[in-house]
Amino acid sequence: MTNKKTENKYADYALKLKIDCKNCSGLCCVSLYCIKTDGFPADKEAGIPCAYLNSDYGCNIHSKLSEKNYKGCIAYDCFGAGQRATQLCLTNGTWKTNPKQADIIFETFMIVFQLHQMLWYLMEAFQLTSDNKLESTIDQLIQENEQIAEMLPENCSKTDLSAYRLKVNTVLKQISSAISISTSTSRHSDMMYLGKNFKKANLDGKDFSMSLMIASNFTGCSLKKTNFLGADIRDANVKDTDLSESIFLTQMQINSAIGNKNTRLPDNLSRPAAWF
C-alpha cells in the first residue's frame, strides 16, 4: 500500500529497498546458511558460495529456478541490502577479491538487511497513521536507521540493533492496534492456519501478524487493511485475490505465495514472473 505522503517524502529511501542484483556481489548466494528442504539447491553453510554462482556474481540457473522448484531462491528478497552492503564495503573489495574482509562484508550485509526490512515497515507505518506524534516518531526512527547504516562497515562489531528494533516494534504494534480499533476487529488469538480455507471470507482489518499461514486459501477474500506483518504465507493461494489494500506485506512474502495475473498487489510490490 502506498500513497502520496510516502511517495514524495521517502522516494529515495523506497528505491534503496528494491533489489539490484547487477550492483551486488552475490551476497545472498554466499553469506546465507541454506538447506535443501527449504527450497534451495543444496545444504550450504554460511560463507560458502552456492555451486551455481558464476564469476560475475550472477546465478547460472536463474531462468530455471521455477523449473527446478527452488522455492527458497525464488522467494528470497534482500530489501536492497545486497547492493547497499556491496557499496558500503567497496573500499575493502568484495568477499572474492579480498577474502580476509569477507566476514566483515557478510556481517554488513546481515545488518543492512535487518535495517532495510525495518525501514520497509516504517515507511508503510508512516502512511497508515495520521497521528502527528507517531509521524514524528517514525521520522526519527527512519533517520536513525540511515545513520546506523552509514556507519557500516566500520561499526559492525559495535552495532547492536536490539534497542532500535524494540522502538520499531513498539510503533508497529501501535499502528496495528489502531487499525484493528478503526475497523472494529481484534487480533486473532489463533496464529496457526496451516492449509486453512478462507475462500471468499471477509477478512477486512484482521490482524494476522506473525501467523503461520502456509498453504492457506485466500481466493476471493476481502482483505482491506488485513495485517500480514511477518506472517508466513508460503504456498498460500492468492489467485484472483485483491491484496492491493492489505498492509505490511513484503516482496518476499509475495514471492513465496501462489498467485496469478489476476492477483492485485499493493503498488510497492512486483508481480512474480511465475504468476504470468
C-alpha atoms as a PDB file:
ATOM      1  CA  MET A   1       0.000   0.000   0.000  1.00  0.00           C
ATOM      2  CA  THR A   2       1.396   3.401  -0.976  1.00  0.00           C
ATOM      3  CA  ASN A   3       0.179   6.968  -1.102  1.00  0.00           C
ATOM      4  CA  LYS A   4       1.467  10.419  -1.976  1.00  0.00           C
ATOM      5  CA  LYS A   5       2.677  11.048   1.569  1.00  0.00           C
ATOM      6  CA  THR A   6       5.487   8.479   1.401  1.00  0.00           C
ATOM      7  CA  GLU A   7       5.985   8.545  -2.362  1.00  0.00           C
ATOM      8  CA  ASN A   8       7.125  12.161  -2.111  1.00  0.00           C
ATOM      9  CA  LYS A   9       8.898  12.236   1.235  1.00  0.00           C
ATOM     10  CA  TYR A  10      10.710   8.924   1.071  1.00  0.00           C
ATOM     11  CA  ALA A  11      11.085   8.311  -2.672  1.00  0.00           C
ATOM     12  CA  ASP A  12      14.870   7.912  -2.371  1.00  0.00           C
ATOM     13  CA  TYR A  13      14.523   5.521   0.551  1.00  0.00           C
ATOM     14  CA  ALA A  14      11.987   3.400  -1.341  1.00  0.00           C
ATOM     15  CA  LEU A  15      14.431   2.946  -4.215  1.00  0.00           C
ATOM     16  CA  LYS A  16      17.061   1.621  -1.808  1.00  0.00           C
ATOM     17  CA  LEU A  17      14.744  -1.201  -0.814  1.00  0.00           C
ATOM     18  CA  LYS A  18      14.424  -2.641  -4.331  1.00  0.00           C
ATOM     19  CA  ILE A  19      16.826  -5.430  -5.216  1.00  0.00           C
ATOM     20  CA  ASP A  20      19.517  -4.598  -7.766  1.00  0.00           C
ATOM     21  CA  CYS A  21      21.457  -7.805  -8.349  1.00  0.00           C
ATOM     22  CA  LYS A  22      23.659  -6.238 -11.039  1.00  0.00           C
ATOM     23  CA  ASN A  23      25.222  -3.961  -8.421  1.00  0.00           C
ATOM     24  CA  CYS A  24      25.569  -6.673  -5.788  1.00  0.00           C
ATOM     25  CA  SER A  25      28.361  -9.200  -5.287  1.00  0.00           C
ATOM     26  CA  GLY A  26      26.136 -12.247  -4.887  1.00  0.00           C
ATOM     27  CA  LEU A  27      25.920 -11.805  -1.123  1.00  0.00           C
ATOM     28  CA  CYS A  28      22.687 -13.753  -0.641  1.00  0.00           C
ATOM     29  CA  CYS A  29      24.228 -16.674  -2.561  1.00  0.00           C
ATOM     30  CA  VAL A  30      27.284 -16.749  -0.311  1.00  0.00           C
ATOM     31  CA  SER A  31      26.627 -15.382   3.152  1.00  0.00           C
ATOM     32  CA  LEU A  32      23.418 -17.257   3.978  1.00  0.00           C
ATOM     33  CA  TYR A  33      23.004 -20.682   5.517  1.00  0.00           C
ATOM     34  CA  CYS A  34      20.721 -22.719   3.248  1.00  0.00           C
ATOM     35  CA  ILE A  35      19.092 -26.126   3.451  1.00  0.00           C
ATOM     36  CA  LYS A  36      17.668 -28.143   0.585  1.00  0.00           C
ATOM     37  CA  THR A  37      14.362 -28.812   2.355  1.00  0.00           C
ATOM     38  CA  ASP A  38      13.656 -25.055   2.351  1.00  0.00           C
ATOM     39  CA  GLY A  39      13.784 -24.971  -1.431  1.00  0.00           C
ATOM     40  CA  PHE A  40      17.462 -24.270  -2.066  1.00  0.00           C
ATOM     41  CA  PRO A  41      19.710 -26.274  -4.431  1.00  0.00           C
ATOM     42  CA  ALA A  42      21.655 -27.930  -1.599  1.00  0.00           C
ATOM     43  CA  ASP A  43      22.556 -27.744   2.061  1.00  0.00           C
ATOM     44  CA  LYS A  44      25.095 -24.932   2.344  1.00  0.00           C
ATOM     45  CA  GLU A  45      26.999 -23.402   5.236  1.00  0.00           C
ATOM     46  CA  ALA A  46      27.056 -19.629   5.653  1.00  0.00           C
ATOM     47  CA  GLY A  47      30.046 -18.102   3.871  1.00  0.00           C
ATOM     48  CA  ILE A  48      30.253 -20.814   1.209  1.00  0.00           C
ATOM     49  CA  PRO A  49      29.297 -19.767  -2.343  1.00  0.00           C
ATOM     50  CA  CYS A  50      26.377 -21.554  -3.978  1.00  0.00           C
ATOM     51  CA  ALA A  51      27.562 -24.001  -6.650  1.00  0.00           C
ATOM     52  CA  TYR A  52      25.538 -22.076  -9.250  1.00  0.00           C
ATOM     53  CA  LEU A  53      27.076 -18.665  -8.515  1.00  0.00           C
ATOM     54  CA  ASN A  54      29.123 -17.537 -11.511  1.00  0.00           C
ATOM     55  CA  SER A  55      32.263 -15.400 -11.729  1.00  0.00           C
ATOM     56  CA  ASP A  56      30.205 -12.236 -12.301  1.00  0.00           C
ATOM     57  CA  TYR A  57      28.238 -12.806  -9.074  1.00  0.00           C
ATOM     58  CA  GLY A  58      25.164 -13.899 -11.024  1.00  0.00           C
ATOM     59  CA  CYS A  59      23.167 -17.129 -10.980  1.00  0.00           C
ATOM     60  CA  ASN A  60      23.876 -19.659 -13.722  1.00  0.00           C
ATOM     61  CA  ILE A  61      20.377 -21.139 -13.470  1.00  0.00           C
ATOM     62  CA  HIS A  62      18.299 -18.062 -12.659  1.00  0.00           C
ATOM     63  CA  SER A  63      15.941 -18.657 -15.588  1.00  0.00           C
ATOM     64  CA  LYS A  64      15.383 -22.251 -14.467  1.00  0.00           C
ATOM     65  CA  LEU A  65      14.659 -21.709 -10.766  1.00  0.00           C
ATOM     66  CA  SER A  66      10.918 -22.310 -11.197  1.00  0.00           C
ATOM     67  CA  GLU A  67      11.522 -25.358 -13.366  1.00  0.00           C
ATOM     68  CA  LYS A  68      13.788 -26.822 -10.682  1.00  0.00           C
ATOM     69  CA  ASN A  69      11.321 -25.835  -7.944  1.00  0.00           C
ATOM     70  CA  TYR A  70      13.938 -23.909  -5.968  1.00  0.00           C
ATOM     71  CA  LYS A  71      11.323 -22.043  -3.954  1.00  0.00           C
ATOM     72  CA  GLY A  72      13.823 -20.682  -1.446  1.00  0.00           C
ATOM     73  CA  CYS A  73      15.790 -18.908  -4.167  1.00  0.00           C
ATOM     74  CA  ILE A  74      12.632 -17.651  -5.879  1.00  0.00           C
ATOM     75  CA  ALA A  75      11.164 -16.228  -2.689  1.00  0.00           C
ATOM     76  CA  TYR A  76      14.240 -14.552  -1.236  1.00  0.00           C
ATOM     77  CA  ASP A  77      14.365 -10.767  -1.340  1.00  0.00           C
ATOM     78  CA  CYS A  78      17.067  -8.791   0.466  1.00  0.00           C
ATOM     79  CA  PHE A  79      15.235  -5.417   0.596  1.00  0.00           C
ATOM     80  CA  GLY A  80      18.133  -3.958  -1.399  1.00  0.00           C
ATOM     81  CA  ALA A  81      20.669  -4.898   1.282  1.00  0.00           C
ATOM     82  CA  GLY A  82      22.902  -6.712  -1.205  1.00  0.00           C
ATOM     83  CA  GLN A  83      23.818  -3.765  -3.381  1.00  0.00           C
ATOM     84  CA  ARG A  84      23.985  -1.384  -0.432  1.00  0.00           C
ATOM     85  CA  ALA A  85      26.346  -3.604   1.567  1.00  0.00           C
ATOM     86  CA  THR A  86      28.460  -4.101  -1.559  1.00  0.00           C
ATOM     87  CA  GLN A  87      28.745  -0.317  -1.987  1.00  0.00           C
ATOM     88  CA  LEU A  88      29.391   0.343   1.704  1.00  0.00           C
ATOM     89  CA  CYS A  89      32.264  -2.156   1.639  1.00  0.00           C
ATOM     90  CA  LEU A  90      33.597  -1.148  -1.771  1.00  0.00           C
ATOM     91  CA  THR A  91      36.913   0.147  -0.408  1.00  0.00           C
ATOM     92  CA  ASN A  92      37.515  -3.319   1.053  1.00  0.00           C
ATOM     93  CA  GLY A  93      36.788  -5.033  -2.258  1.00  0.00           C
ATOM     94  CA  THR A  94      34.394  -7.988  -2.345  1.00  0.00           C
ATOM     95  CA  TRP A  95      34.352 -11.277  -0.453  1.00  0.00           C
ATOM     96  CA  LYS A  96      36.023 -12.825  -3.520  1.00  0.00           C
ATOM     97  CA  THR A  97      38.698 -10.193  -4.254  1.00  0.00           C
ATOM     98  CA  ASN A  98      39.551  -9.689  -0.582  1.00  0.00           C
ATOM     99  CA  PRO A  99      38.784 -12.916   1.334  1.00  0.00           C
ATOM    100  CA  LYS A 100      40.264 -11.521   4.562  1.00  0.00           C
ATOM    101  CA  GLN A 101      37.427  -8.979   4.662  1.00  0.00           C
ATOM    102  CA  ALA A 102      34.711 -11.496   3.780  1.00  0.00           C
ATOM    103  CA  ASP A 103      33.380 -11.861   7.326  1.00  0.00           C
ATOM    104  CA  ILE A 104      33.012  -8.083   7.717  1.00  0.00           C
ATOM    105  CA  ILE A 105      31.267  -7.837   4.347  1.00  0.00           C
ATOM    106  CA  PHE A 106      28.852 -10.640   5.258  1.00  0.00           C
ATOM    107  CA  GLU A 107      28.174  -9.089   8.655  1.00  0.00           C
ATOM    108  CA  THR A 108      27.476  -5.737   6.998  1.00  0.00           C
ATOM    109  CA  PHE A 109      25.003  -7.435   4.668  1.00  0.00           C
ATOM    110  CA  MET A 110      23.167  -9.081   7.572  1.00  0.00           C
ATOM    111  CA  ILE A 111      22.906  -5.794   9.484  1.00  0.00           C
ATOM    112  CA  VAL A 112      21.755  -3.816   6.435  1.00  0.00           C
ATOM    113  CA  PHE A 113      19.163  -6.496   5.652  1.00  0.00           C
ATOM    114  CA  GLN A 114      17.630  -6.027   9.095  1.00  0.00           C
ATOM    115  CA  LEU A 115      17.771  -2.239   8.811  1.00  0.00           C
ATOM    116  CA  HIS A 116      16.140  -2.228   5.381  1.00  0.00           C
ATOM    117  CA  GLN A 117      13.443  -4.651   6.495  1.00  0.00           C
ATOM    118  CA  MET A 118      12.557  -2.376   9.401  1.00  0.00           C
ATOM    119  CA  LEU A 119      12.733   0.657   7.096  1.00  0.00           C
ATOM    120  CA  TRP A 120      10.205  -1.026   4.789  1.00  0.00           C
ATOM    121  CA  TYR A 121       7.756  -1.421   7.658  1.00  0.00           C
ATOM    122  CA  LEU A 122       8.393   2.080   8.995  1.00  0.00           C
ATOM    123  CA  MET A 123       7.652   3.670   5.637  1.00  0.00           C
ATOM    124  CA  GLU A 124       4.336   1.853   5.457  1.00  0.00           C
ATOM    125  CA  ALA A 125       3.576   2.685   9.091  1.00  0.00           C
ATOM    126  CA  PHE A 126       4.132   6.368   8.282  1.00  0.00           C
ATOM    127  CA  GLN A 127       1.477   6.319   5.583  1.00  0.00           C
ATOM    128  CA  LEU A 128      -1.003   4.401   7.752  1.00  0.00           C
ATOM    129  CA  THR A 129      -1.165   6.943  10.560  1.00  0.00           C
ATOM    130  CA  SER A 130      -2.499  10.475  10.761  1.00  0.00           C
ATOM    131  CA  ASP A 131      -1.258  10.931  14.325  1.00  0.00           C
ATOM    132  CA  ASN A 132       1.301  13.758  14.304  1.00  0.00           C
ATOM    133  CA  LYS A 133       3.203  12.388  17.291  1.00  0.00           C
ATOM    134  CA  LEU A 134       3.524   8.954  15.713  1.00  0.00           C
ATOM    135  CA  GLU A 135       4.584  10.507  12.412  1.00  0.00           C
ATOM    136  CA  SER A 136       7.337  12.398  14.212  1.00  0.00           C
ATOM    137  CA  THR A 137       8.492   9.232  15.989  1.00  0.00           C
ATOM    138  CA  ILE A 138       8.598   7.336  12.698  1.00  0.00           C
ATOM    139  CA  ASP A 139      10.541  10.176  11.058  1.00  0.00           C
ATOM    140  CA  GLN A 140      13.134   9.970  13.829  1.00  0.00           C
ATOM    141  CA  LEU A 141      13.388   6.181  13.520  1.00  0.00           C
ATOM    142  CA  ILE A 142      13.897   6.412   9.763  1.00  0.00           C
ATOM    143  CA  GLN A 143      16.687   8.960  10.235  1.00  0.00           C
ATOM    144  CA  GLU A 144      18.281   6.771  12.916  1.00  0.00           C
ATOM    145  CA  ASN A 145      18.078   3.810  10.545  1.00  0.00           C
ATOM    146  CA  GLU A 146      20.027   5.726   7.927  1.00  0.00           C
ATOM    147  CA  GLN A 147      22.630   6.868  10.450  1.00  0.00           C
ATOM    148  CA  ILE A 148      23.280   3.313  11.636  1.00  0.00           C
ATOM    149  CA  ALA A 149      23.689   2.059   8.065  1.00  0.00           C
ATOM    150  CA  GLU A 150      26.100   4.826   7.078  1.00  0.00           C
ATOM    151  CA  MET A 151      28.432   3.930   9.963  1.00  0.00           C
ATOM    152  CA  LEU A 152      28.998   0.493   8.448  1.00  0.00           C
ATOM    153  CA  PRO A 153      31.194  -1.459   7.972  1.00  0.00           C
ATOM    154  CA  GLU A 154      33.482   0.286  10.472  1.00  0.00           C
ATOM    155  CA  ASN A 155      30.997  -0.078  13.334  1.00  0.00           C
ATOM    156  CA  CYS A 156      29.909  -3.666  12.645  1.00  0.00           C
ATOM    157  CA  SER A 157      31.307  -5.024  15.897  1.00  0.00           C
ATOM    158  CA  LYS A 158      29.637  -2.230  17.899  1.00  0.00           C
ATOM    159  CA  THR A 159      26.250  -2.419  16.171  1.00  0.00           C
ATOM    160  CA  ASP A 160      23.512  -3.893  18.343  1.00  0.00           C
ATOM    161  CA  LEU A 161      20.082  -3.477  16.814  1.00  0.00           C
ATOM    162  CA  SER A 162      18.152  -4.779  19.834  1.00  0.00           C
ATOM    163  CA  ALA A 163      17.225  -1.377  21.285  1.00  0.00           C
ATOM    164  CA  TYR A 164      16.411   0.063  17.867  1.00  0.00           C
ATOM    165  CA  ARG A 165      14.274  -2.952  16.931  1.00  0.00           C
ATOM    166  CA  LEU A 166      12.333  -2.595  20.174  1.00  0.00           C
ATOM    167  CA  LYS A 167      11.458   1.012  19.292  1.00  0.00           C
ATOM    168  CA  VAL A 168      10.381  -0.011  15.791  1.00  0.00           C
ATOM    169  CA  ASN A 169       8.262  -2.896  17.094  1.00  0.00           C
ATOM    170  CA  THR A 170       6.553  -0.568  19.563  1.00  0.00           C
ATOM    171  CA  VAL A 171       5.496   1.737  16.726  1.00  0.00           C
ATOM    172  CA  LEU A 172       4.309  -1.152  14.554  1.00  0.00           C
ATOM    173  CA  LYS A 173       2.212  -2.529  17.404  1.00  0.00           C
ATOM    174  CA  GLN A 174       0.648   0.892  17.949  1.00  0.00           C
ATOM    175  CA  ILE A 175      -0.229   1.168  14.256  1.00  0.00           C
ATOM    176  CA  SER A 176      -1.618  -2.376  14.136  1.00  0.00           C
ATOM    177  CA  SER A 177      -3.711  -1.782  17.235  1.00  0.00           C
ATOM    178  CA  ALA A 178      -5.098   1.485  15.863  1.00  0.00           C
ATOM    179  CA  ILE A 179      -6.123  -0.208  12.616  1.00  0.00           C
ATOM    180  CA  SER A 180      -7.853  -3.041  14.482  1.00  0.00           C
ATOM    181  CA  ILE A 181      -9.810  -0.479  16.501  1.00  0.00           C
ATOM    182  CA  SER A 182     -10.727   1.602  13.441  1.00  0.00           C
ATOM    183  CA  THR A 183     -12.002  -1.481  11.597  1.00  0.00           C
ATOM    184  CA  SER A 184     -13.746  -2.929  14.675  1.00  0.00           C
ATOM    185  CA  THR A 185     -11.698  -6.113  14.528  1.00  0.00           C
ATOM    186  CA  SER A 186      -9.431  -7.790  17.021  1.00  0.00           C
ATOM    187  CA  ARG A 187      -6.215  -9.758  16.958  1.00  0.00           C
ATOM    188  CA  HIS A 188      -6.807 -13.406  16.099  1.00  0.00           C
ATOM    189  CA  SER A 189      -5.936 -15.488  19.154  1.00  0.00           C
ATOM    190  CA  ASP A 190      -5.084 -18.453  16.939  1.00  0.00           C
ATOM    191  CA  MET A 191      -1.848 -17.974  14.981  1.00  0.00           C
ATOM    192  CA  MET A 192      -1.869 -21.388  13.297  1.00  0.00           C
ATOM    193  CA  TYR A 193      -3.646 -21.503   9.942  1.00  0.00           C
ATOM    194  CA  LEU A 194      -1.798 -24.244   8.075  1.00  0.00           C
ATOM    195  CA  GLY A 195      -3.848 -25.061   4.980  1.00  0.00           C
ATOM    196  CA  LYS A 196      -6.796 -23.014   6.263  1.00  0.00           C
ATOM    197  CA  ASN A 197      -9.536 -22.458   3.676  1.00  0.00           C
ATOM    198  CA  PHE A 198     -10.588 -18.801   3.916  1.00  0.00           C
ATOM    199  CA  LYS A 199     -12.188 -18.832   0.453  1.00  0.00           C
ATOM    200  CA  LYS A 200     -14.429 -15.778  -0.110  1.00  0.00           C
ATOM    201  CA  ALA A 201     -14.245 -14.793   3.575  1.00  0.00           C
ATOM    202  CA  ASN A 202     -14.399 -11.170   4.700  1.00  0.00           C
ATOM    203  CA  LEU A 203     -11.052 -10.677   6.422  1.00  0.00           C
ATOM    204  CA  ASP A 204     -11.015  -6.875   6.336  1.00  0.00           C
ATOM    205  CA  GLY A 205      -8.905  -5.425   9.144  1.00  0.00           C
ATOM    206  CA  LYS A 206      -7.932  -8.819  10.552  1.00  0.00           C
ATOM    207  CA  ASP A 207      -4.564  -8.932  12.296  1.00  0.00           C
ATOM    208  CA  PHE A 208      -2.649 -11.995  11.107  1.00  0.00           C
ATOM    209  CA  SER A 209       0.765 -10.620  12.103  1.00  0.00           C
ATOM    210  CA  MET A 210       3.327 -13.369  12.805  1.00  0.00           C
ATOM    211  CA  SER A 211       0.768 -16.069  11.930  1.00  0.00           C
ATOM    212  CA  LEU A 212       1.661 -19.378  10.287  1.00  0.00           C
ATOM    213  CA  MET A 213      -0.475 -19.477   7.135  1.00  0.00           C
ATOM    214  CA  ILE A 214       1.383 -21.907   4.874  1.00  0.00           C
ATOM    215  CA  ALA A 215      -0.827 -23.223   2.032  1.00  0.00           C
ATOM    216  CA  SER A 216      -3.866 -21.246   3.210  1.00  0.00           C
ATOM    217  CA  ASN A 217      -6.506 -20.390   0.612  1.00  0.00           C
ATOM    218  CA  PHE A 218      -7.392 -16.700   0.227  1.00  0.00           C
ATOM    219  CA  THR A 219      -9.183 -16.991  -3.125  1.00  0.00           C
ATOM    220  CA  GLY A 220     -11.896 -14.372  -3.408  1.00  0.00           C
ATOM    221  CA  CYS A 221     -11.322 -12.985   0.096  1.00  0.00           C
ATOM    222  CA  SER A 222     -11.847  -9.357   1.055  1.00  0.00           C
ATOM    223  CA  LEU A 223      -8.517  -8.233   2.507  1.00  0.00           C
ATOM    224  CA  LYS A 224      -8.751  -4.477   3.043  1.00  0.00           C
ATOM    225  CA  LYS A 225      -6.288  -3.387   5.749  1.00  0.00           C
ATOM    226  CA  THR A 226      -5.650  -7.036   6.587  1.00  0.00           C
ATOM    227  CA  ASN A 227      -2.382  -7.122   8.526  1.00  0.00           C
ATOM    228  CA  PHE A 228       0.187  -9.654   7.271  1.00  0.00           C
ATOM    229  CA  LEU A 229       3.182  -8.314   9.213  1.00  0.00           C
ATOM    230  CA  GLY A 230       5.666 -11.201   9.499  1.00  0.00           C
ATOM    231  CA  ALA A 231       3.050 -13.798   8.516  1.00  0.00           C
ATOM    232  CA  ASP A 232       4.324 -16.958   6.826  1.00  0.00           C
ATOM    233  CA  ILE A 233       2.250 -17.249   3.643  1.00  0.00           C
ATOM    234  CA  ARG A 234       4.427 -19.701   1.732  1.00  0.00           C
ATOM    235  CA  ASP A 235       2.358 -21.575  -0.863  1.00  0.00           C
ATOM    236  CA  ALA A 236      -0.757 -19.626   0.153  1.00  0.00           C
ATOM    237  CA  ASN A 237      -3.275 -19.420  -2.698  1.00  0.00           C
ATOM    238  CA  VAL A 238      -3.851 -15.786  -3.632  1.00  0.00           C
ATOM    239  CA  LYS A 239      -5.045 -16.406  -7.185  1.00  0.00           C
ATOM    240  CA  ASP A 240      -7.734 -13.956  -8.326  1.00  0.00           C
ATOM    241  CA  THR A 241      -7.335 -12.204  -4.965  1.00  0.00           C
ATOM    242  CA  ASP A 242      -7.182  -8.477  -4.254  1.00  0.00           C
ATOM    243  CA  LEU A 243      -4.254  -7.725  -1.926  1.00  0.00           C
ATOM    244  CA  SER A 244      -3.931  -4.116  -3.061  1.00  0.00           C
ATOM    245  CA  GLU A 245      -5.174  -2.702   0.249  1.00  0.00           C
ATOM    246  CA  SER A 246      -3.603  -5.287   2.556  1.00  0.00           C
ATOM    247  CA  ILE A 247      -0.910  -3.941   4.877  1.00  0.00           C
ATOM    248  CA  PHE A 248       2.642  -4.827   5.887  1.00  0.00           C
ATOM    249  CA  LEU A 249       3.180  -7.226   3.001  1.00  0.00           C
ATOM    250  CA  THR A 250       6.719  -7.669   1.684  1.00  0.00           C
ATOM    251  CA  GLN A 251       8.100  -8.802  -1.648  1.00  0.00           C
ATOM    252  CA  MET A 252       9.474 -11.946  -0.032  1.00  0.00           C
ATOM    253  CA  GLN A 253       6.019 -12.926   1.191  1.00  0.00           C
ATOM    254  CA  ILE A 254       4.520 -12.335  -2.246  1.00  0.00           C
ATOM    255  CA  ASN A 255       7.316 -14.279  -3.945  1.00  0.00           C
ATOM    256  CA  SER A 256       6.569 -17.281  -1.736  1.00  0.00           C
ATOM    257  CA  ALA A 257       2.803 -17.297  -2.366  1.00  0.00           C
ATOM    258  CA  ILE A 258       0.879 -18.747  -5.327  1.00  0.00           C
ATOM    259  CA  GLY A 259      -0.832 -16.077  -7.396  1.00  0.00           C
ATOM    260  CA  ASN A 260      -1.731 -15.355 -10.999  1.00  0.00           C
ATOM    261  CA  LYS A 261      -2.137 -12.475 -13.439  1.00  0.00           C
ATOM    262  CA  ASN A 262      -5.435 -11.535 -11.788  1.00  0.00           C
ATOM    263  CA  THR A 263      -3.962 -11.141  -8.311  1.00  0.00           C
ATOM    264  CA  ARG A 264      -3.942  -7.462  -7.354  1.00  0.00           C
ATOM    265  CA  LEU A 265      -0.944  -6.210  -5.380  1.00  0.00           C
ATOM    266  CA  PRO A 266      -0.029  -3.052  -3.450  1.00  0.00           C
ATOM    267  CA  ASP A 267       1.747  -0.510  -5.668  1.00  0.00           C
ATOM    268  CA  ASN A 268       5.094  -1.025  -3.941  1.00  0.00           C
ATOM    269  CA  LEU A 269       5.248  -4.756  -4.765  1.00  0.00           C
ATOM    270  CA  SER A 270       6.115  -6.502  -8.035  1.00  0.00           C
ATOM    271  CA  ARG A 271       4.291  -9.431  -9.597  1.00  0.00           C
ATOM    272  CA  PRO A 272       6.498 -12.570  -9.583  1.00  0.00           C
ATOM    273  CA  ALA A 273       7.366 -13.854 -13.065  1.00  0.00           C
ATOM    274  CA  ALA A 274       5.853 -17.247 -12.244  1.00  0.00           C
ATOM    275  CA  TRP A 275       2.419 -15.632 -11.868  1.00  0.00           C
ATOM    276  CA  PHE A 276       2.139 -14.619 -15.526  1.00  0.00           C
END
